[in-house]
Amino acid sequence: MPLQDHFHPPLYPHRQWHGFHHAWASTIAFNLNHRLPQRFFAEPNVQFGIEIDVATLEDTDDGGPRPAVAPAWLPPGPALIAPIAVVADVVEVRVYRNEGGFVLAGAIELVSPSNKDPPASRTAFVSKCAAYIQQGVGLVIVDVVTERLANLHDELLARLEVTAPPLAAALYAAAYRPVQRDERPHVEVWQEALAIGAPLPTMPLCLRAGPCIPLDLEATYEHTSRELRIPGNGA
């Protein structure tokens, strides 16, 4: 099934993009678990509208007798209080390696509209992806969002100080493999422009301390569309 536009009519608003993204991430995880070596496993991680839980100190004194304890230490007042941007939507598949503990080996990020706008959200998303790569985690980004024009792949390469011509595509899939060459860290990059009405590519998911696994975006997209009964013509 060729790629459809999940953000404009005729599919939207009758079929919601976040429902498809959620199901697609799960399908990708199931597909990978049939391919991964035994010591690896994949699981989806989907969260929309994330809020940070901040612990607060509460006065629980009920007036009764209390044992003598040292008062809780409180820091002095902060020198600065400023708002920050966080990744509000997360639609990803994480691949872990089980070797006496779960170690993140790979990640697949399905871009959501909030990841691409406003600029602070793009910065938060790019920072997250750059941290994955700098930690040696294999990464794939898939952007099928048609209602925002920002190219997070180009911004990520700029953050990593990789000199490359811009992809110049609104929709794309890109894969990143951290490697050592000449005793220096490098990143290998695969990139494919996507288009509405065209089939999706197969991208390499290169796992940290593991093999490269083919990520068949077309097969998982078609399976998800079929299971959700999404019409092939978008009607």
C-alpha atoms as a PDB file:
ATOM      1  CA  MET A   1       0.000   0.000   0.000  1.00  0.00           C
ATOM      2  CA  PRO A   2       1.479   3.385  -0.946  1.00  0.00           C
ATOM      3  CA  LEU A   3       1.926   6.083   1.676  1.00  0.00           C
ATOM      4  CA  GLN A   4      -1.224   8.082   2.391  1.00  0.00           C
ATOM      5  CA  ASP A   5      -1.714  11.528   3.911  1.00  0.00           C
ATOM      6  CA  HIS A   6      -2.942  10.948   7.474  1.00  0.00           C
ATOM      7  CA  PHE A   7      -3.181  14.682   8.259  1.00  0.00           C
ATOM      8  CA  HIS A   8      -5.551  15.975   5.561  1.00  0.00           C
ATOM      9  CA  PRO A   9      -8.795  14.881   3.893  1.00  0.00           C
ATOM     10  CA  PRO A  10     -10.032  12.469   2.757  1.00  0.00           C
ATOM     11  CA  LEU A  11      -8.501  10.362   5.573  1.00  0.00           C
ATOM     12  CA  TYR A  12      -8.391  13.067   8.228  1.00  0.00           C
ATOM     13  CA  PRO A  13     -10.435  13.873  10.340  1.00  0.00           C
ATOM     14  CA  HIS A  14     -12.387  10.613   9.969  1.00  0.00           C
ATOM     15  CA  ARG A  15      -9.268   8.584  10.789  1.00  0.00           C
ATOM     16  CA  GLN A  16      -6.939  10.005  13.450  1.00  0.00           C
ATOM     17  CA  TRP A  17      -3.193  10.111  12.795  1.00  0.00           C
ATOM     18  CA  HIS A  18      -2.260   9.348  16.408  1.00  0.00           C
ATOM     19  CA  GLY A  19      -4.258   6.126  16.348  1.00  0.00           C
ATOM     20  CA  PHE A  20      -2.383   5.029  13.239  1.00  0.00           C
ATOM     21  CA  HIS A  21       1.014   6.034  14.665  1.00  0.00           C
ATOM     22  CA  HIS A  22       0.307   4.100  17.857  1.00  0.00           C
ATOM     23  CA  ALA A  23      -0.642   0.975  15.911  1.00  0.00           C
ATOM     24  CA  TRP A  24       2.254   1.367  13.468  1.00  0.00           C
ATOM     25  CA  ALA A  25       4.784   1.525  16.307  1.00  0.00           C
ATOM     26  CA  SER A  26       3.318  -1.662  17.783  1.00  0.00           C
ATOM     27  CA  THR A  27       3.402  -3.414  14.395  1.00  0.00           C
ATOM     28  CA  ILE A  28       7.045  -2.437  13.901  1.00  0.00           C
ATOM     29  CA  ALA A  29       7.925  -3.822  17.339  1.00  0.00           C
ATOM     30  CA  PHE A  30       6.132  -7.111  16.637  1.00  0.00           C
ATOM     31  CA  ASN A  31       7.853  -7.404  13.252  1.00  0.00           C
ATOM     32  CA  LEU A  32      11.293  -6.745  14.733  1.00  0.00           C
ATOM     33  CA  ASN A  33      10.819  -9.320  17.465  1.00  0.00           C
ATOM     34  CA  HIS A  34      10.483 -11.975  14.755  1.00  0.00           C
ATOM     35  CA  ARG A  35      13.850 -10.879  13.297  1.00  0.00           C
ATOM     36  CA  LEU A  36      16.002  -9.924  16.259  1.00  0.00           C
ATOM     37  CA  PRO A  37      18.607 -12.255  17.767  1.00  0.00           C
ATOM     38  CA  GLN A  38      17.523 -13.904  21.002  1.00  0.00           C
ATOM     39  CA  ARG A  39      19.330 -11.457  23.302  1.00  0.00           C
ATOM     40  CA  PHE A  40      17.455  -8.456  21.829  1.00  0.00           C
ATOM     41  CA  PHE A  41      13.814  -7.429  22.104  1.00  0.00           C
ATOM     42  CA  ALA A  42      11.723  -4.514  20.829  1.00  0.00           C
ATOM     43  CA  GLU A  43       8.824  -2.729  22.480  1.00  0.00           C
ATOM     44  CA  PRO A  44       6.766   0.322  21.531  1.00  0.00           C
ATOM     45  CA  ASN A  45       6.824   3.478  23.644  1.00  0.00           C
ATOM     46  CA  VAL A  46       3.947   5.820  22.797  1.00  0.00           C
ATOM     47  CA  GLN A  47       3.045   8.840  24.907  1.00  0.00           C
ATOM     48  CA  PHE A  48       1.011  11.849  23.829  1.00  0.00           C
ATOM     49  CA  GLY A  49       0.957  15.163  25.679  1.00  0.00           C
ATOM     50  CA  ILE A  50       3.657  14.204  28.188  1.00  0.00           C
ATOM     51  CA  GLU A  51       3.651  16.097  31.462  1.00  0.00           C
ATOM     52  CA  ILE A  52       6.653  16.102  33.780  1.00  0.00           C
ATOM     53  CA  ASP A  53       5.813  14.987  37.314  1.00  0.00           C
ATOM     54  CA  VAL A  54       7.643  17.205  39.754  1.00  0.00           C
ATOM     55  CA  ALA A  55       7.892  16.098  43.381  1.00  0.00           C
ATOM     56  CA  THR A  56       6.835  18.755  45.846  1.00  0.00           C
ATOM     57  CA  LEU A  57       7.355  19.072  49.571  1.00  0.00           C
ATOM     58  CA  GLU A  58       4.120  19.117  51.537  1.00  0.00           C
ATOM     59  CA  ASP A  59       3.547  20.103  55.143  1.00  0.00           C
ATOM     60  CA  THR A  60       2.077  16.997  56.762  1.00  0.00           C
ATOM     61  CA  ASP A  61       2.186  18.233  60.367  1.00  0.00           C
ATOM     62  CA  ASP A  62      -1.083  17.228  62.055  1.00  0.00           C
ATOM     63  CA  GLY A  63      -0.260  18.911  65.353  1.00  0.00           C
ATOM     64  CA  GLY A  64       0.481  15.685  67.222  1.00  0.00           C
ATOM     65  CA  PRO A  65       3.753  14.777  68.933  1.00  0.00           C
ATOM     66  CA  ARG A  66       6.581  13.988  66.550  1.00  0.00           C
ATOM     67  CA  PRO A  67       9.964  12.393  67.176  1.00  0.00           C
ATOM     68  CA  ALA A  68      12.941  14.696  67.153  1.00  0.00           C
ATOM     69  CA  VAL A  69      14.443  14.519  63.701  1.00  0.00           C
ATOM     70  CA  ALA A  70      16.790  16.760  61.827  1.00  0.00           C
ATOM     71  CA  PRO A  71      14.886  19.245  59.673  1.00  0.00           C
ATOM     72  CA  ALA A  72      14.822  18.475  55.969  1.00  0.00           C
ATOM     73  CA  TRP A  73      17.470  20.367  54.072  1.00  0.00           C
ATOM     74  CA  LEU A  74      16.170  22.899  51.613  1.00  0.00           C
ATOM     75  CA  PRO A  75      18.342  24.528  48.949  1.00  0.00           C
ATOM     76  CA  PRO A  76      18.609  28.281  48.736  1.00  0.00           C
ATOM     77  CA  GLY A  77      16.409  30.069  46.263  1.00  0.00           C
ATOM     78  CA  PRO A  78      17.364  29.429  42.624  1.00  0.00           C
ATOM     79  CA  ALA A  79      19.354  31.982  40.696  1.00  0.00           C
ATOM     80  CA  LEU A  80      17.078  31.535  37.678  1.00  0.00           C
ATOM     81  CA  ILE A  81      13.673  30.097  36.820  1.00  0.00           C
ATOM     82  CA  ALA A  82      12.970  29.646  33.105  1.00  0.00           C
ATOM     83  CA  PRO A  83      10.580  27.587  30.965  1.00  0.00           C
ATOM     84  CA  ILE A  84      12.037  24.743  28.920  1.00  0.00           C
ATOM     85  CA  ALA A  85      10.776  22.682  26.001  1.00  0.00           C
ATOM     86  CA  VAL A  86      10.269  18.934  26.337  1.00  0.00           C
ATOM     87  CA  VAL A  87       9.382  16.275  23.782  1.00  0.00           C
ATOM     88  CA  ALA A  88       5.606  16.465  24.242  1.00  0.00           C
ATOM     89  CA  ASP A  89       4.754  13.481  22.020  1.00  0.00           C
ATOM     90  CA  VAL A  90       6.775  10.270  21.873  1.00  0.00           C
ATOM     91  CA  VAL A  91       5.997   7.630  19.253  1.00  0.00           C
ATOM     92  CA  GLU A  92       8.933   5.273  19.131  1.00  0.00           C
ATOM     93  CA  VAL A  93      10.101   1.686  19.181  1.00  0.00           C
ATOM     94  CA  ARG A  94      13.010   0.863  21.451  1.00  0.00           C
ATOM     95  CA  VAL A  95      15.251  -2.155  20.991  1.00  0.00           C
ATOM     96  CA  TYR A  96      17.053  -3.426  24.076  1.00  0.00           C
ATOM     97  CA  ARG A  97      19.934  -5.850  24.537  1.00  0.00           C
ATOM     98  CA  ASN A  98      19.624  -8.144  27.533  1.00  0.00           C
ATOM     99  CA  GLU A  99      23.052  -8.857  28.949  1.00  0.00           C
ATOM    100  CA  GLY A 100      22.678  -8.887  32.720  1.00  0.00           C
ATOM    101  CA  GLY A 101      20.503  -5.811  32.359  1.00  0.00           C
ATOM    102  CA  PHE A 102      18.544  -4.000  29.678  1.00  0.00           C
ATOM    103  CA  VAL A 103      20.730  -1.749  27.507  1.00  0.00           C
ATOM    104  CA  LEU A 104      19.222   0.465  24.813  1.00  0.00           C
ATOM    105  CA  ALA A 105      20.617  -0.686  21.455  1.00  0.00           C
ATOM    106  CA  GLY A 106      18.340   0.965  18.888  1.00  0.00           C
ATOM    107  CA  ALA A 107      15.424   3.351  18.489  1.00  0.00           C
ATOM    108  CA  ILE A 108      12.870   4.144  15.797  1.00  0.00           C
ATOM    109  CA  GLU A 109      11.211   7.541  16.010  1.00  0.00           C
ATOM    110  CA  LEU A 110       7.889   8.176  14.243  1.00  0.00           C
ATOM    111  CA  VAL A 111       7.681  11.966  14.022  1.00  0.00           C
ATOM    112  CA  SER A 112       4.496  13.629  15.282  1.00  0.00           C
ATOM    113  CA  PRO A 113       3.269  17.150  14.410  1.00  0.00           C
ATOM    114  CA  SER A 114       4.285  18.535  17.819  1.00  0.00           C
ATOM    115  CA  ASN A 115       7.873  17.365  17.243  1.00  0.00           C
ATOM    116  CA  LYS A 116       8.138  19.699  14.230  1.00  0.00           C
ATOM    117  CA  ASP A 117       6.606  22.869  15.613  1.00  0.00           C
ATOM    118  CA  PRO A 118       7.268  25.212  17.426  1.00  0.00           C
ATOM    119  CA  PRO A 119      11.067  25.670  17.139  1.00  0.00           C
ATOM    120  CA  ALA A 120      11.651  24.811  20.802  1.00  0.00           C
ATOM    121  CA  SER A 121       9.930  21.444  20.268  1.00  0.00           C
ATOM    122  CA  ARG A 122      12.151  20.735  17.277  1.00  0.00           C
ATOM    123  CA  THR A 123      15.194  21.509  19.409  1.00  0.00           C
ATOM    124  CA  ALA A 124      14.012  19.108  22.114  1.00  0.00           C
ATOM    125  CA  PHE A 125      13.415  16.310  19.591  1.00  0.00           C
ATOM    126  CA  VAL A 126      16.760  16.867  17.860  1.00  0.00           C
ATOM    127  CA  SER A 127      18.566  16.923  21.218  1.00  0.00           C
ATOM    128  CA  LYS A 128      17.020  13.570  22.124  1.00  0.00           C
ATOM    129  CA  CYS A 129      18.039  11.999  18.812  1.00  0.00           C
ATOM    130  CA  ALA A 130      21.553  13.449  18.976  1.00  0.00           C
ATOM    131  CA  ALA A 131      21.961  11.992  22.472  1.00  0.00           C
ATOM    132  CA  TYR A 132      20.972   8.557  21.172  1.00  0.00           C
ATOM    133  CA  ILE A 133      23.598   8.698  18.426  1.00  0.00           C
ATOM    134  CA  GLN A 134      26.314  10.089  20.690  1.00  0.00           C
ATOM    135  CA  GLN A 135      25.655   7.192  23.086  1.00  0.00           C
ATOM    136  CA  GLY A 136      26.187   4.685  20.271  1.00  0.00           C
ATOM    137  CA  VAL A 137      22.500   3.821  19.786  1.00  0.00           C
ATOM    138  CA  GLY A 138      21.366   2.992  16.258  1.00  0.00           C
ATOM    139  CA  LEU A 139      18.530   5.287  15.171  1.00  0.00           C
ATOM    140  CA  VAL A 140      15.868   5.529  12.475  1.00  0.00           C
ATOM    141  CA  ILE A 141      13.614   8.574  12.009  1.00  0.00           C
ATOM    142  CA  VAL A 142      10.437   8.321   9.916  1.00  0.00           C
ATOM    143  CA  ASP A 143       8.588  11.544   9.095  1.00  0.00           C
ATOM    144  CA  VAL A 144       5.235  11.271   7.311  1.00  0.00           C
ATOM    145  CA  VAL A 145       3.777  14.461   8.841  1.00  0.00           C
ATOM    146  CA  THR A 146       2.377  16.624   6.040  1.00  0.00           C
ATOM    147  CA  GLU A 147       1.038  19.529   8.097  1.00  0.00           C
ATOM    148  CA  ARG A 148       4.473  20.788   9.218  1.00  0.00           C
ATOM    149  CA  LEU A 149       7.367  21.566   6.885  1.00  0.00           C
ATOM    150  CA  ALA A 150      10.394  21.466   9.209  1.00  0.00           C
ATOM    151  CA  ASN A 151      13.053  18.874   8.342  1.00  0.00           C
ATOM    152  CA  LEU A 152      14.306  17.344  11.583  1.00  0.00           C
ATOM    153  CA  HIS A 153      16.860  15.191   9.751  1.00  0.00           C
ATOM    154  CA  ASP A 154      18.667  18.259   8.428  1.00  0.00           C
ATOM    155  CA  GLU A 155      18.527  19.878  11.865  1.00  0.00           C
ATOM    156  CA  LEU A 156      19.932  16.720  13.465  1.00  0.00           C
ATOM    157  CA  LEU A 157      22.891  16.611  11.070  1.00  0.00           C
ATOM    158  CA  ALA A 158      23.567  20.274  11.821  1.00  0.00           C
ATOM    159  CA  ARG A 159      23.479  19.530  15.563  1.00  0.00           C
ATOM    160  CA  LEU A 160      26.007  16.716  15.024  1.00  0.00           C
ATOM    161  CA  GLU A 161      28.124  19.112  12.920  1.00  0.00           C
ATOM    162  CA  VAL A 162      27.837  16.853   9.890  1.00  0.00           C
ATOM    163  CA  THR A 163      28.441  18.725   6.654  1.00  0.00           C
ATOM    164  CA  ALA A 164      25.945  17.483   4.076  1.00  0.00           C
ATOM    165  CA  PRO A 165      23.626  18.978   1.467  1.00  0.00           C
ATOM    166  CA  PRO A 166      20.058  19.366   2.755  1.00  0.00           C
ATOM    167  CA  LEU A 167      17.715  16.497   2.007  1.00  0.00           C
ATOM    168  CA  ALA A 168      15.189  19.011   0.654  1.00  0.00           C
ATOM    169  CA  ALA A 169      12.256  16.684   1.266  1.00  0.00           C
ATOM    170  CA  ALA A 170       9.228  17.346   3.442  1.00  0.00           C
ATOM    171  CA  LEU A 171       8.777  13.625   4.130  1.00  0.00           C
ATOM    172  CA  TYR A 172      11.648  11.204   4.617  1.00  0.00           C
ATOM    173  CA  ALA A 173      13.120   8.222   6.405  1.00  0.00           C
ATOM    174  CA  ALA A 174      16.690   8.383   7.720  1.00  0.00           C
ATOM    175  CA  ALA A 175      18.910   5.867   9.503  1.00  0.00           C
ATOM    176  CA  TYR A 176      22.001   6.592  11.595  1.00  0.00           C
ATOM    177  CA  ARG A 177      24.757   4.201  12.641  1.00  0.00           C
ATOM    178  CA  PRO A 178      27.396   5.393  15.150  1.00  0.00           C
ATOM    179  CA  VAL A 179      30.781   3.799  14.317  1.00  0.00           C
ATOM    180  CA  GLN A 180      34.463   4.190  15.058  1.00  0.00           C
ATOM    181  CA  ARG A 181      36.720   5.008  12.113  1.00  0.00           C
ATOM    182  CA  ASP A 182      40.382   5.911  12.404  1.00  0.00           C
ATOM    183  CA  GLU A 183      39.923   5.881  16.185  1.00  0.00           C
ATOM    184  CA  ARG A 184      37.332   8.632  15.947  1.00  0.00           C
ATOM    185  CA  PRO A 185      33.536   8.520  16.288  1.00  0.00           C
ATOM    186  CA  HIS A 186      31.629   8.811  13.020  1.00  0.00           C
ATOM    187  CA  VAL A 187      28.030   8.412  11.970  1.00  0.00           C
ATOM    188  CA  GLU A 188      26.907   6.556   8.868  1.00  0.00           C
ATOM    189  CA  VAL A 189      23.704   7.976   7.401  1.00  0.00           C
ATOM    190  CA  TRP A 190      21.093   6.536   5.047  1.00  0.00           C
ATOM    191  CA  GLN A 191      18.321   8.833   3.835  1.00  0.00           C
ATOM    192  CA  GLU A 192      15.311   8.343   1.596  1.00  0.00           C
ATOM    193  CA  ALA A 193      12.781  10.932   0.465  1.00  0.00           C
ATOM    194  CA  LEU A 194       9.160   9.803   0.899  1.00  0.00           C
ATOM    195  CA  ALA A 195       6.152  10.813  -1.169  1.00  0.00           C
ATOM    196  CA  ILE A 196       2.403  10.440  -0.831  1.00  0.00           C
ATOM    197  CA  GLY A 197       1.282   7.715  -3.212  1.00  0.00           C
ATOM    198  CA  ALA A 198       4.710   6.020  -3.327  1.00  0.00           C
ATOM    199  CA  PRO A 199       5.834   2.859  -1.515  1.00  0.00           C
ATOM    200  CA  LEU A 200       7.923   3.116   1.632  1.00  0.00           C
ATOM    201  CA  PRO A 201      11.563   1.947   1.718  1.00  0.00           C
ATOM    202  CA  THR A 202      13.378  -0.611   3.826  1.00  0.00           C
ATOM    203  CA  MET A 203      15.834   1.108   6.172  1.00  0.00           C
ATOM    204  CA  PRO A 204      18.740  -0.362   8.169  1.00  0.00           C
ATOM    205  CA  LEU A 205      18.347  -0.413  11.940  1.00  0.00           C
ATOM    206  CA  CYS A 206      21.920  -0.870  13.162  1.00  0.00           C
ATOM    207  CA  LEU A 207      21.976  -2.009  16.765  1.00  0.00           C
ATOM    208  CA  ARG A 208      24.609  -1.094  19.302  1.00  0.00           C
ATOM    209  CA  ALA A 209      26.868  -4.128  19.782  1.00  0.00           C
ATOM    210  CA  GLY A 210      24.622  -6.033  17.397  1.00  0.00           C
ATOM    211  CA  PRO A 211      23.678  -6.573  13.775  1.00  0.00           C
ATOM    212  CA  CYS A 212      21.866  -4.346  11.289  1.00  0.00           C
ATOM    213  CA  ILE A 213      18.221  -5.404  10.945  1.00  0.00           C
ATOM    214  CA  PRO A 214      16.112  -4.526   7.878  1.00  0.00           C
ATOM    215  CA  LEU A 215      13.238  -2.252   8.894  1.00  0.00           C
ATOM    216  CA  ASP A 216      10.558  -2.914   6.296  1.00  0.00           C
ATOM    217  CA  LEU A 217       8.459   0.227   6.504  1.00  0.00           C
ATOM    218  CA  GLU A 218       6.257  -0.748   3.561  1.00  0.00           C
ATOM    219  CA  ALA A 219       5.279  -4.127   5.013  1.00  0.00           C
ATOM    220  CA  THR A 220       4.561  -2.759   8.497  1.00  0.00           C
ATOM    221  CA  TYR A 221       2.653   0.218   7.080  1.00  0.00           C
ATOM    222  CA  GLU A 222       0.521  -2.043   4.892  1.00  0.00           C
ATOM    223  CA  HIS A 223      -0.154  -4.443   7.761  1.00  0.00           C
ATOM    224  CA  THR A 224      -1.179  -1.586  10.067  1.00  0.00           C
ATOM    225  CA  SER A 225      -3.472  -0.085   7.417  1.00  0.00           C
ATOM    226  CA  ARG A 226      -5.109  -3.445   6.811  1.00  0.00           C
ATOM    227  CA  GLU A 227      -5.649  -4.173  10.516  1.00  0.00           C
ATOM    228  CA  LEU A 228      -7.163  -0.713  11.064  1.00  0.00           C
ATOM    229  CA  ARG A 229      -9.323  -1.052   7.925  1.00  0.00           C
ATOM    230  CA  ILE A 230      -7.930   2.080   6.359  1.00  0.00           C
ATOM    231  CA  PRO A 231      -9.067   2.289   2.732  1.00  0.00           C
ATOM    232  CA  GLY A 232      -6.318   1.963   0.163  1.00  0.00           C
ATOM    233  CA  ASN A 233      -7.480   5.064  -1.686  1.00  0.00           C
ATOM    234  CA  GLY A 234      -7.862   7.168   1.492  1.00  0.00           C
ATOM    235  CA  ALA A 235     -11.594   7.484   0.957  1.00  0.00           C
END
